[in-house]
């Protein structure tokens, strides 16, 4: 599981079409879209691992139950992180919408 660190170089979120046009960015310029996309991919990967572990457990092909527990905790943490980031983004959006110009 790879967790992307949040940096101070976060740029505004771009649309998908703009993102595809500007793929030659430097590595340090991570947009919110990139970070959120990596969080979603992380959740998908950990969920796939947990699903495979479940199948292996039912078939009796498991030698290390501790690793299954670790994978379950990784998946739960990944989902919690994604939900937290989503909630903070929605809160920030709502705060911006309440601002008077």
PDB file of N, CA and C in Angstrom:
ATOM      1  N   UNK A   1       0.847  -1.166   0.000  1.00  0.00           N
ATOM      2  CA  UNK A   1       0.000   0.000   0.000  1.00  0.00           C
ATOM      3  C   UNK A   1       0.894   1.230   0.000  1.00  0.00           C
ATOM      4  N   UNK A   2       0.588   2.167  -0.852  1.00  0.00           N
ATOM      5  CA  UNK A   2       1.360   3.392  -0.943  1.00  0.00           C
ATOM      6  C   UNK A   2       0.481   4.564  -0.541  1.00  0.00           C
ATOM      7  N   UNK A   3       0.918   5.324   0.454  1.00  0.00           N
ATOM      8  CA  UNK A   3       0.185   6.491   0.908  1.00  0.00           C
ATOM      9  C   UNK A   3       0.919   7.720   0.404  1.00  0.00           C
ATOM     10  N   UNK A   4       0.205   8.562  -0.339  1.00  0.00           N
ATOM     11  CA  UNK A   4       0.809   9.759  -0.908  1.00  0.00           C
ATOM     12  C   UNK A   4       0.872  10.837   0.162  1.00  0.00           C
ATOM     13  N   UNK A   5       2.065  11.383   0.414  1.00  0.00           N
ATOM     14  CA  UNK A   5       2.162  12.438   1.424  1.00  0.00           C
ATOM     15  C   UNK A   5       1.565  13.742   0.904  1.00  0.00           C
ATOM     16  N   UNK A   6       0.903  14.469   1.795  1.00  0.00           N
ATOM     17  CA  UNK A   6       0.366  15.766   1.431  1.00  0.00           C
ATOM     18  C   UNK A   6       1.495  16.784   1.530  1.00  0.00           C
ATOM     19  N   UNK A   7       1.634  17.602   0.510  1.00  0.00           N
ATOM     20  CA  UNK A   7       2.686  18.605   0.502  1.00  0.00           C
ATOM     21  C   UNK A   7       2.071  19.985   0.422  1.00  0.00           C
ATOM     22  N   UNK A   8       2.901  20.989   0.565  1.00  0.00           N
ATOM     23  CA  UNK A   8       2.407  22.359   0.465  1.00  0.00           C
ATOM     24  C   UNK A   8       2.321  22.812  -0.980  1.00  0.00           C
ATOM     25  N   UNK A   9       2.655  21.967  -1.932  1.00  0.00           N
ATOM     26  CA  UNK A   9       2.627  22.314  -3.354  1.00  0.00           C
ATOM     27  C   UNK A   9       1.320  21.915  -4.011  1.00  0.00           C
ATOM     28  N   UNK A  10       0.248  21.847  -3.277  1.00  0.00           N
ATOM     29  CA  UNK A  10      -1.030  21.424  -3.839  1.00  0.00           C
ATOM     30  C   UNK A  10      -1.611  22.566  -4.655  1.00  0.00           C
ATOM     31  N   UNK A  11      -1.881  22.305  -5.914  1.00  0.00           N
ATOM     32  CA  UNK A  11      -2.450  23.298  -6.818  1.00  0.00           C
ATOM     33  C   UNK A  11      -3.961  23.082  -6.904  1.00  0.00           C
ATOM     34  N   UNK A  12      -4.695  24.045  -7.451  1.00  0.00           N
ATOM     35  CA  UNK A  12      -6.145  23.873  -7.584  1.00  0.00           C
ATOM     36  C   UNK A  12      -6.493  22.673  -8.446  1.00  0.00           C
ATOM     37  N   UNK A  13      -7.663  22.106  -8.191  1.00  0.00           N
ATOM     38  CA  UNK A  13      -8.116  20.935  -8.923  1.00  0.00           C
ATOM     39  C   UNK A  13      -8.408  21.293 -10.371  1.00  0.00           C
ATOM     40  N   UNK A  14      -7.954  20.476 -11.282  1.00  0.00           N
ATOM     41  CA  UNK A  14      -8.168  20.704 -12.701  1.00  0.00           C
ATOM     42  C   UNK A  14      -9.232  19.746 -13.216  1.00  0.00           C
ATOM     43  N   UNK A  15      -9.807  20.088 -14.334  1.00  0.00           N
ATOM     44  CA  UNK A  15     -10.735  19.149 -14.954  1.00  0.00           C
ATOM     45  C   UNK A  15      -9.932  18.031 -15.592  1.00  0.00           C
ATOM     46  N   UNK A  16     -10.589  16.953 -15.897  1.00  0.00           N
ATOM     47  CA  UNK A  16      -9.894  15.789 -16.444  1.00  0.00           C
ATOM     48  C   UNK A  16      -9.288  16.116 -17.806  1.00  0.00           C
ATOM     49  N   UNK A  17      -9.991  16.877 -18.631  1.00  0.00           N
ATOM     50  CA  UNK A  17      -9.462  17.206 -19.950  1.00  0.00           C
ATOM     51  C   UNK A  17      -8.225  18.091 -19.842  1.00  0.00           C
ATOM     52  N   UNK A  18      -8.225  19.030 -18.918  1.00  0.00           N
ATOM     53  CA  UNK A  18      -7.054  19.869 -18.728  1.00  0.00           C
ATOM     54  C   UNK A  18      -5.893  19.051 -18.184  1.00  0.00           C
ATOM     55  N   UNK A  19      -6.197  18.086 -17.327  1.00  0.00           N
ATOM     56  CA  UNK A  19      -5.151  17.255 -16.737  1.00  0.00           C
ATOM     57  C   UNK A  19      -4.438  16.448 -17.812  1.00  0.00           C
ATOM     58  N   UNK A  20      -5.177  15.907 -18.760  1.00  0.00           N
ATOM     59  CA  UNK A  20      -4.572  15.105 -19.809  1.00  0.00           C
ATOM     60  C   UNK A  20      -3.692  15.953 -20.719  1.00  0.00           C
ATOM     61  N   UNK A  21      -4.028  17.233 -20.874  1.00  0.00           N
ATOM     62  CA  UNK A  21      -3.242  18.113 -21.729  1.00  0.00           C
ATOM     63  C   UNK A  21      -1.943  18.534 -21.054  1.00  0.00           C
ATOM     64  N   UNK A  22      -1.918  18.539 -19.737  1.00  0.00           N
ATOM     65  CA  UNK A  22      -0.738  19.013 -19.018  1.00  0.00           C
ATOM     66  C   UNK A  22      -0.092  17.891 -18.222  1.00  0.00           C
ATOM     67  N   UNK A  23       0.187  16.787 -18.862  1.00  0.00           N
ATOM     68  CA  UNK A  23       0.774  15.650 -18.158  1.00  0.00           C
ATOM     69  C   UNK A  23       2.285  15.772 -18.006  1.00  0.00           C
ATOM     70  N   UNK A  24       2.896  16.823 -18.531  1.00  0.00           N
ATOM     71  CA  UNK A  24       4.331  16.978 -18.436  1.00  0.00           C
ATOM     72  C   UNK A  24       4.713  17.820 -17.227  1.00  0.00           C
ATOM     73  N   UNK A  25       3.953  17.740 -16.143  1.00  0.00           N
ATOM     74  CA  UNK A  25       4.246  18.488 -14.921  1.00  0.00           C
ATOM     75  C   UNK A  25       5.428  17.870 -14.198  1.00  0.00           C
ATOM     76  N   UNK A  26       6.040  18.683 -13.360  1.00  0.00           N
ATOM     77  CA  UNK A  26       7.123  18.153 -12.547  1.00  0.00           C
ATOM     78  C   UNK A  26       6.544  17.315 -11.418  1.00  0.00           C
ATOM     79  N   UNK A  27       7.369  16.516 -10.818  1.00  0.00           N
ATOM     80  CA  UNK A  27       6.907  15.572  -9.803  1.00  0.00           C
ATOM     81  C   UNK A  27       6.417  16.270  -8.540  1.00  0.00           C
ATOM     82  N   UNK A  28       6.945  17.440  -8.206  1.00  0.00           N
ATOM     83  CA  UNK A  28       6.586  18.132  -6.980  1.00  0.00           C
ATOM     84  C   UNK A  28       5.254  18.861  -7.038  1.00  0.00           C
ATOM     85  N   UNK A  29       4.679  19.041  -8.223  1.00  0.00           N
ATOM     86  CA  UNK A  29       3.426  19.778  -8.371  1.00  0.00           C
ATOM     87  C   UNK A  29       2.243  18.815  -8.377  1.00  0.00           C
ATOM     88  N   UNK A  30       1.821  18.383  -7.215  1.00  0.00           N
ATOM     89  CA  UNK A  30       0.686  17.470  -7.104  1.00  0.00           C
ATOM     90  C   UNK A  30      -0.590  18.289  -6.950  1.00  0.00           C
ATOM     91  N   UNK A  31      -1.564  18.022  -7.804  1.00  0.00           N
ATOM     92  CA  UNK A  31      -2.844  18.707  -7.689  1.00  0.00           C
ATOM     93  C   UNK A  31      -3.743  17.927  -6.740  1.00  0.00           C
ATOM     94  N   UNK A  32      -4.804  18.581  -6.305  1.00  0.00           N
ATOM     95  CA  UNK A  32      -5.764  17.897  -5.442  1.00  0.00           C
ATOM     96  C   UNK A  32      -6.352  16.697  -6.169  1.00  0.00           C
ATOM     97  N   UNK A  33      -6.602  16.855  -7.470  1.00  0.00           N
ATOM     98  CA  UNK A  33      -7.142  15.754  -8.263  1.00  0.00           C
ATOM     99  C   UNK A  33      -6.205  14.552  -8.228  1.00  0.00           C
ATOM    100  N   UNK A  34      -4.898  14.790  -8.372  1.00  0.00           N
ATOM    101  CA  UNK A  34      -3.919  13.695  -8.340  1.00  0.00           C
ATOM    102  C   UNK A  34      -3.933  12.982  -6.988  1.00  0.00           C
ATOM    103  N   UNK A  35      -3.967  13.763  -5.932  1.00  0.00           N
ATOM    104  CA  UNK A  35      -3.970  13.182  -4.588  1.00  0.00           C
ATOM    105  C   UNK A  35      -5.241  12.389  -4.348  1.00  0.00           C
ATOM    106  N   UNK A  36      -6.383  12.962  -4.721  1.00  0.00           N
ATOM    107  CA  UNK A  36      -7.658  12.272  -4.510  1.00  0.00           C
ATOM    108  C   UNK A  36      -7.732  11.013  -5.364  1.00  0.00           C
ATOM    109  N   UNK A  37      -7.230  11.101  -6.593  1.00  0.00           N
ATOM    110  CA  UNK A  37      -7.220   9.929  -7.471  1.00  0.00           C
ATOM    111  C   UNK A  37      -6.346   8.820  -6.890  1.00  0.00           C
ATOM    112  N   UNK A  38      -5.199   9.188  -6.318  1.00  0.00           N
ATOM    113  CA  UNK A  38      -4.330   8.174  -5.718  1.00  0.00           C
ATOM    114  C   UNK A  38      -4.972   7.562  -4.474  1.00  0.00           C
ATOM    115  N   UNK A  39      -5.739   8.373  -3.718  1.00  0.00           N
ATOM    116  CA  UNK A  39      -6.453   7.828  -2.560  1.00  0.00           C
ATOM    117  C   UNK A  39      -7.510   6.818  -2.996  1.00  0.00           C
ATOM    118  N   UNK A  40      -8.244   7.151  -4.065  1.00  0.00           N
ATOM    119  CA  UNK A  40      -9.264   6.224  -4.574  1.00  0.00           C
ATOM    120  C   UNK A  40      -8.615   4.945  -5.079  1.00  0.00           C
ATOM    121  N   UNK A  41      -7.510   5.073  -5.805  1.00  0.00           N
ATOM    122  CA  UNK A  41      -6.802   3.884  -6.296  1.00  0.00           C
ATOM    123  C   UNK A  41      -6.270   3.043  -5.144  1.00  0.00           C
ATOM    124  N   UNK A  42      -5.812   3.708  -4.092  1.00  0.00           N
ATOM    125  CA  UNK A  42      -5.323   2.998  -2.914  1.00  0.00           C
ATOM    126  C   UNK A  42      -6.448   2.186  -2.272  1.00  0.00           C
ATOM    127  N   UNK A  43      -7.636   2.773  -2.176  1.00  0.00           N
ATOM    128  CA  UNK A  43      -8.784   2.058  -1.613  1.00  0.00           C
ATOM    129  C   UNK A  43      -9.135   0.859  -2.485  1.00  0.00           C
ATOM    130  N   UNK A  44      -9.110   1.038  -3.806  1.00  0.00           N
ATOM    131  CA  UNK A  44      -9.415  -0.072  -4.718  1.00  0.00           C
ATOM    132  C   UNK A  44      -8.408  -1.214  -4.563  1.00  0.00           C
ATOM    133  N   UNK A  45      -7.122  -0.857  -4.465  1.00  0.00           N
ATOM    134  CA  UNK A  45      -6.083  -1.882  -4.337  1.00  0.00           C
ATOM    135  C   UNK A  45      -6.205  -2.648  -3.022  1.00  0.00           C
ATOM    136  N   UNK A  46      -6.414  -1.927  -1.932  1.00  0.00           N
ATOM    137  CA  UNK A  46      -6.514  -2.609  -0.639  1.00  0.00           C
ATOM    138  C   UNK A  46      -7.775  -3.449  -0.568  1.00  0.00           C
ATOM    139  N   UNK A  47      -8.855  -2.974  -1.180  1.00  0.00           N
ATOM    140  CA  UNK A  47     -10.089  -3.765  -1.197  1.00  0.00           C
ATOM    141  C   UNK A  47      -9.911  -5.038  -2.014  1.00  0.00           C
ATOM    142  N   UNK A  48      -9.214  -4.934  -3.133  1.00  0.00           N
ATOM    143  CA  UNK A  48      -8.951  -6.123  -3.945  1.00  0.00           C
ATOM    144  C   UNK A  48      -8.114  -7.133  -3.167  1.00  0.00           C
ATOM    145  N   UNK A  49      -7.144  -6.649  -2.397  1.00  0.00           N
ATOM    146  CA  UNK A  49      -6.312  -7.544  -1.589  1.00  0.00           C
ATOM    147  C   UNK A  49      -7.150  -8.227  -0.510  1.00  0.00           C
ATOM    148  N   UNK A  50      -8.041  -7.479   0.132  1.00  0.00           N
ATOM    149  CA  UNK A  50      -8.895  -8.051   1.168  1.00  0.00           C
ATOM    150  C   UNK A  50      -9.846  -9.088   0.560  1.00  0.00           C
ATOM    151  N   UNK A  51     -10.366  -8.805  -0.623  1.00  0.00           N
ATOM    152  CA  UNK A  51     -11.235  -9.769  -1.285  1.00  0.00           C
ATOM    153  C   UNK A  51     -10.474 -11.059  -1.598  1.00  0.00           C
ATOM    154  N   UNK A  52      -9.242 -10.923  -2.084  1.00  0.00           N
ATOM    155  CA  UNK A  52      -8.429 -12.100  -2.380  1.00  0.00           C
ATOM    156  C   UNK A  52      -8.099 -12.865  -1.102  1.00  0.00           C
ATOM    157  N   UNK A  53      -7.808 -12.134  -0.028  1.00  0.00           N
ATOM    158  CA  UNK A  53      -7.544 -12.786   1.255  1.00  0.00           C
ATOM    159  C   UNK A  53      -8.775 -13.546   1.751  1.00  0.00           C
ATOM    160  N   UNK A  54      -9.953 -12.974   1.542  1.00  0.00           N
ATOM    161  CA  UNK A  54     -11.189 -13.646   1.957  1.00  0.00           C
ATOM    162  C   UNK A  54     -11.379 -14.958   1.203  1.00  0.00           C
ATOM    163  N   UNK A  55     -11.117 -14.908  -0.095  1.00  0.00           N
ATOM    164  CA  UNK A  55     -11.245 -16.131  -0.910  1.00  0.00           C
ATOM    165  C   UNK A  55     -10.237 -17.174  -0.458  1.00  0.00           C
ATOM    166  N   UNK A  56      -8.994 -16.729  -0.245  1.00  0.00           N
ATOM    167  CA  UNK A  56      -7.957 -17.662   0.211  1.00  0.00           C
ATOM    168  C   UNK A  56      -8.304 -18.256   1.574  1.00  0.00           C
ATOM    169  N   UNK A  57      -8.875 -17.449   2.455  1.00  0.00           N
ATOM    170  CA  UNK A  57      -9.253 -17.934   3.781  1.00  0.00           C
ATOM    171  C   UNK A  57     -10.355 -18.989   3.684  1.00  0.00           C
ATOM    172  N   UNK A  58     -11.335 -18.735   2.824  1.00  0.00           N
ATOM    173  CA  UNK A  58     -12.431 -19.707   2.657  1.00  0.00           C
ATOM    174  C   UNK A  58     -11.952 -21.009   2.034  1.00  0.00           C
ATOM    175  N   UNK A  59     -10.957 -20.915   1.166  1.00  0.00           N
ATOM    176  CA  UNK A  59     -10.420 -22.113   0.519  1.00  0.00           C
ATOM    177  C   UNK A  59      -9.391 -22.826   1.378  1.00  0.00           C
ATOM    178  N   UNK A  60      -8.967 -22.200   2.457  1.00  0.00           N
ATOM    179  CA  UNK A  60      -7.987 -22.815   3.339  1.00  0.00           C
ATOM    180  C   UNK A  60      -6.562 -22.657   2.856  1.00  0.00           C
ATOM    181  N   UNK A  61      -6.313 -21.685   1.986  1.00  0.00           N
ATOM    182  CA  UNK A  61      -4.977 -21.464   1.437  1.00  0.00           C
ATOM    183  C   UNK A  61      -4.194 -20.402   2.204  1.00  0.00           C
ATOM    184  N   UNK A  62      -4.498 -20.223   3.477  1.00  0.00           N
ATOM    185  CA  UNK A  62      -3.861 -19.168   4.266  1.00  0.00           C
ATOM    186  C   UNK A  62      -2.883 -19.793   5.248  1.00  0.00           C
ATOM    187  N   UNK A  63      -1.670 -19.248   5.234  1.00  0.00           N
ATOM    188  CA  UNK A  63      -0.667 -19.694   6.191  1.00  0.00           C
ATOM    189  C   UNK A  63      -0.465 -18.678   7.306  1.00  0.00           C
ATOM    190  N   UNK A  64      -0.762 -17.413   7.032  1.00  0.00           N
ATOM    191  CA  UNK A  64      -0.470 -16.340   7.976  1.00  0.00           C
ATOM    192  C   UNK A  64      -1.730 -15.502   8.217  1.00  0.00           C
ATOM    193  N   UNK A  65      -2.429 -15.783   9.292  1.00  0.00           N
ATOM    194  CA  UNK A  65      -3.635 -15.025   9.619  1.00  0.00           C
ATOM    195  C   UNK A  65      -3.316 -13.592  10.035  1.00  0.00           C
ATOM    196  N   UNK A  66      -2.130 -13.379  10.561  1.00  0.00           N
ATOM    197  CA  UNK A  66      -1.745 -12.024  10.968  1.00  0.00           C
ATOM    198  C   UNK A  66      -1.667 -11.091   9.759  1.00  0.00           C
ATOM    199  N   UNK A  67      -1.198 -11.615   8.622  1.00  0.00           N
ATOM    200  CA  UNK A  67      -1.111 -10.787   7.413  1.00  0.00           C
ATOM    201  C   UNK A  67      -2.499 -10.414   6.907  1.00  0.00           C
ATOM    202  N   UNK A  68      -3.456 -11.289   7.074  1.00  0.00           N
ATOM    203  CA  UNK A  68      -4.833 -10.980   6.679  1.00  0.00           C
ATOM    204  C   UNK A  68      -5.372  -9.847   7.547  1.00  0.00           C
ATOM    205  N   UNK A  69      -5.090  -9.899   8.834  1.00  0.00           N
ATOM    206  CA  UNK A  69      -5.525  -8.834   9.741  1.00  0.00           C
ATOM    207  C   UNK A  69      -4.866  -7.511   9.382  1.00  0.00           C
ATOM    208  N   UNK A  70      -3.586  -7.564   9.036  1.00  0.00           N
ATOM    209  CA  UNK A  70      -2.874  -6.344   8.626  1.00  0.00           C
ATOM    210  C   UNK A  70      -3.506  -5.766   7.364  1.00  0.00           C
ATOM    211  N   UNK A  71      -3.824  -6.623   6.389  1.00  0.00           N
ATOM    212  CA  UNK A  71      -4.456  -6.158   5.155  1.00  0.00           C
ATOM    213  C   UNK A  71      -5.840  -5.566   5.424  1.00  0.00           C
ATOM    214  N   UNK A  72      -6.581  -6.152   6.355  1.00  0.00           N
ATOM    215  CA  UNK A  72      -7.889  -5.598   6.729  1.00  0.00           C
ATOM    216  C   UNK A  72      -7.747  -4.214   7.346  1.00  0.00           C
ATOM    217  N   UNK A  73      -6.764  -4.050   8.199  1.00  0.00           N
ATOM    218  CA  UNK A  73      -6.537  -2.743   8.832  1.00  0.00           C
ATOM    219  C   UNK A  73      -6.068  -1.708   7.815  1.00  0.00           C
ATOM    220  N   UNK A  74      -5.230  -2.135   6.859  1.00  0.00           N
ATOM    221  CA  UNK A  74      -4.802  -1.214   5.799  1.00  0.00           C
ATOM    222  C   UNK A  74      -6.006  -0.740   4.989  1.00  0.00           C
ATOM    223  N   UNK A  75      -6.898  -1.662   4.664  1.00  0.00           N
ATOM    224  CA  UNK A  75      -8.079  -1.304   3.885  1.00  0.00           C
ATOM    225  C   UNK A  75      -8.981  -0.358   4.670  1.00  0.00           C
ATOM    226  N   UNK A  76      -9.162  -0.632   5.950  1.00  0.00           N
ATOM    227  CA  UNK A  76     -10.008   0.235   6.779  1.00  0.00           C
ATOM    228  C   UNK A  76      -9.399   1.622   6.916  1.00  0.00           C
ATOM    229  N   UNK A  77      -8.083   1.685   7.078  1.00  0.00           N
ATOM    230  CA  UNK A  77      -7.398   2.970   7.190  1.00  0.00           C
ATOM    231  C   UNK A  77      -7.476   3.751   5.879  1.00  0.00           C
ATOM    232  N   UNK A  78      -7.334   3.055   4.761  1.00  0.00           N
ATOM    233  CA  UNK A  78      -7.413   3.718   3.457  1.00  0.00           C
ATOM    234  C   UNK A  78      -8.802   4.316   3.234  1.00  0.00           C
ATOM    235  N   UNK A  79      -9.840   3.572   3.613  1.00  0.00           N
ATOM    236  CA  UNK A  79     -11.204   4.082   3.466  1.00  0.00           C
ATOM    237  C   UNK A  79     -11.429   5.267   4.398  1.00  0.00           C
ATOM    238  N   UNK A  80     -10.964   5.164   5.640  1.00  0.00           N
ATOM    239  CA  UNK A  80     -11.105   6.276   6.587  1.00  0.00           C
ATOM    240  C   UNK A  80     -10.408   7.533   6.083  1.00  0.00           C
ATOM    241  N   UNK A  81      -9.215   7.381   5.532  1.00  0.00           N
ATOM    242  CA  UNK A  81      -8.478   8.516   5.006  1.00  0.00           C
ATOM    243  C   UNK A  81      -9.206   9.145   3.825  1.00  0.00           C
ATOM    244  N   UNK A  82      -9.712   8.322   2.914  1.00  0.00           N
ATOM    245  CA  UNK A  82     -10.452   8.833   1.759  1.00  0.00           C
ATOM    246  C   UNK A  82     -11.690   9.589   2.195  1.00  0.00           C
ATOM    247  N   UNK A  83     -12.438   9.038   3.135  1.00  0.00           N
ATOM    248  CA  UNK A  83     -13.651   9.699   3.618  1.00  0.00           C
ATOM    249  C   UNK A  83     -13.314  11.007   4.323  1.00  0.00           C
ATOM    250  N   UNK A  84     -12.246  11.015   5.100  1.00  0.00           N
ATOM    251  CA  UNK A  84     -11.839  12.233   5.798  1.00  0.00           C
ATOM    252  C   UNK A  84     -11.438  13.327   4.819  1.00  0.00           C
ATOM    253  N   UNK A  85     -10.650  12.985   3.820  1.00  0.00           N
ATOM    254  CA  UNK A  85     -10.238  13.973   2.819  1.00  0.00           C
ATOM    255  C   UNK A  85     -11.452  14.482   2.048  1.00  0.00           C
ATOM    256  N   UNK A  86     -12.360  13.587   1.702  1.00  0.00           N
ATOM    257  CA  UNK A  86     -13.576  14.001   0.985  1.00  0.00           C
ATOM    258  C   UNK A  86     -14.402  14.942   1.835  1.00  0.00           C
ATOM    259  N   UNK A  87     -14.576  14.624   3.102  1.00  0.00           N
ATOM    260  CA  UNK A  87     -15.362  15.481   3.996  1.00  0.00           C
ATOM    261  C   UNK A  87     -14.718  16.852   4.168  1.00  0.00           C
ATOM    262  N   UNK A  88     -13.397  16.884   4.301  1.00  0.00           N
ATOM    263  CA  UNK A  88     -12.695  18.161   4.437  1.00  0.00           C
ATOM    264  C   UNK A  88     -12.815  18.984   3.162  1.00  0.00           C
ATOM    265  N   UNK A  89     -12.752  18.336   2.004  1.00  0.00           N
ATOM    266  CA  UNK A  89     -12.903  19.057   0.738  1.00  0.00           C
ATOM    267  C   UNK A  89     -14.313  19.629   0.599  1.00  0.00           C
ATOM    268  N   UNK A  90     -15.311  18.856   0.984  1.00  0.00           N
ATOM    269  CA  UNK A  90     -16.697  19.343   0.927  1.00  0.00           C
ATOM    270  C   UNK A  90     -16.899  20.481   1.918  1.00  0.00           C
ATOM    271  N   UNK A  91     -16.334  20.370   3.106  1.00  0.00           N
ATOM    272  CA  UNK A  91     -16.433  21.449   4.096  1.00  0.00           C
ATOM    273  C   UNK A  91     -15.774  22.729   3.573  1.00  0.00           C
ATOM    274  N   UNK A  92     -14.601  22.584   2.943  1.00  0.00           N
ATOM    275  CA  UNK A  92     -13.918  23.756   2.390  1.00  0.00           C
ATOM    276  C   UNK A  92     -14.738  24.382   1.271  1.00  0.00           C
ATOM    277  N   UNK A  93     -15.314  23.552   0.430  1.00  0.00           N
ATOM    278  CA  UNK A  93     -16.167  24.061  -0.665  1.00  0.00           C
ATOM    279  C   UNK A  93     -17.367  24.810  -0.085  1.00  0.00           C
ATOM    280  N   UNK A  94     -18.014  24.234   0.913  1.00  0.00           N
ATOM    281  CA  UNK A  94     -19.174  24.904   1.519  1.00  0.00           C
ATOM    282  C   UNK A  94     -18.777  26.217   2.192  1.00  0.00           C
ATOM    283  N   UNK A  95     -17.610  26.254   2.798  1.00  0.00           N
ATOM    284  CA  UNK A  95     -17.131  27.478   3.424  1.00  0.00           C
ATOM    285  C   UNK A  95     -16.887  28.563   2.373  1.00  0.00           C
ATOM    286  N   UNK A  96     -16.307  28.170   1.255  1.00  0.00           N
ATOM    287  CA  UNK A  96     -16.062  29.125   0.167  1.00  0.00           C
ATOM    288  C   UNK A  96     -17.385  29.648  -0.391  1.00  0.00           C
ATOM    289  N   UNK A  97     -18.363  28.760  -0.498  1.00  0.00           N
ATOM    290  CA  UNK A  97     -19.663  29.181  -1.043  1.00  0.00           C
ATOM    291  C   UNK A  97     -20.379  30.131  -0.088  1.00  0.00           C
ATOM    292  N   UNK A  98     -20.102  30.065   1.211  1.00  0.00           N
ATOM    293  CA  UNK A  98     -20.740  30.958   2.178  1.00  0.00           C
ATOM    294  C   UNK A  98     -20.071  32.329   2.238  1.00  0.00           C
ATOM    295  N   UNK A  99     -18.889  32.463   1.653  1.00  0.00           N
ATOM    296  CA  UNK A  99     -18.173  33.744   1.687  1.00  0.00           C
ATOM    297  C   UNK A  99     -18.900  34.795   0.862  1.00  0.00           C
ATOM    298  N   UNK A 100     -18.884  36.011   1.364  1.00  0.00           N
ATOM    299  CA  UNK A 100     -19.451  37.108   0.589  1.00  0.00           C
ATOM    300  C   UNK A 100     -18.349  37.777  -0.202  1.00  0.00           C
ATOM    301  N   UNK A 101     -18.698  38.180  -1.386  1.00  0.00           N
ATOM    302  CA  UNK A 101     -17.693  38.792  -2.270  1.00  0.00           C
ATOM    303  C   UNK A 101     -17.771  40.291  -2.214  1.00  0.00           C
TER     304      UNK A 101
END
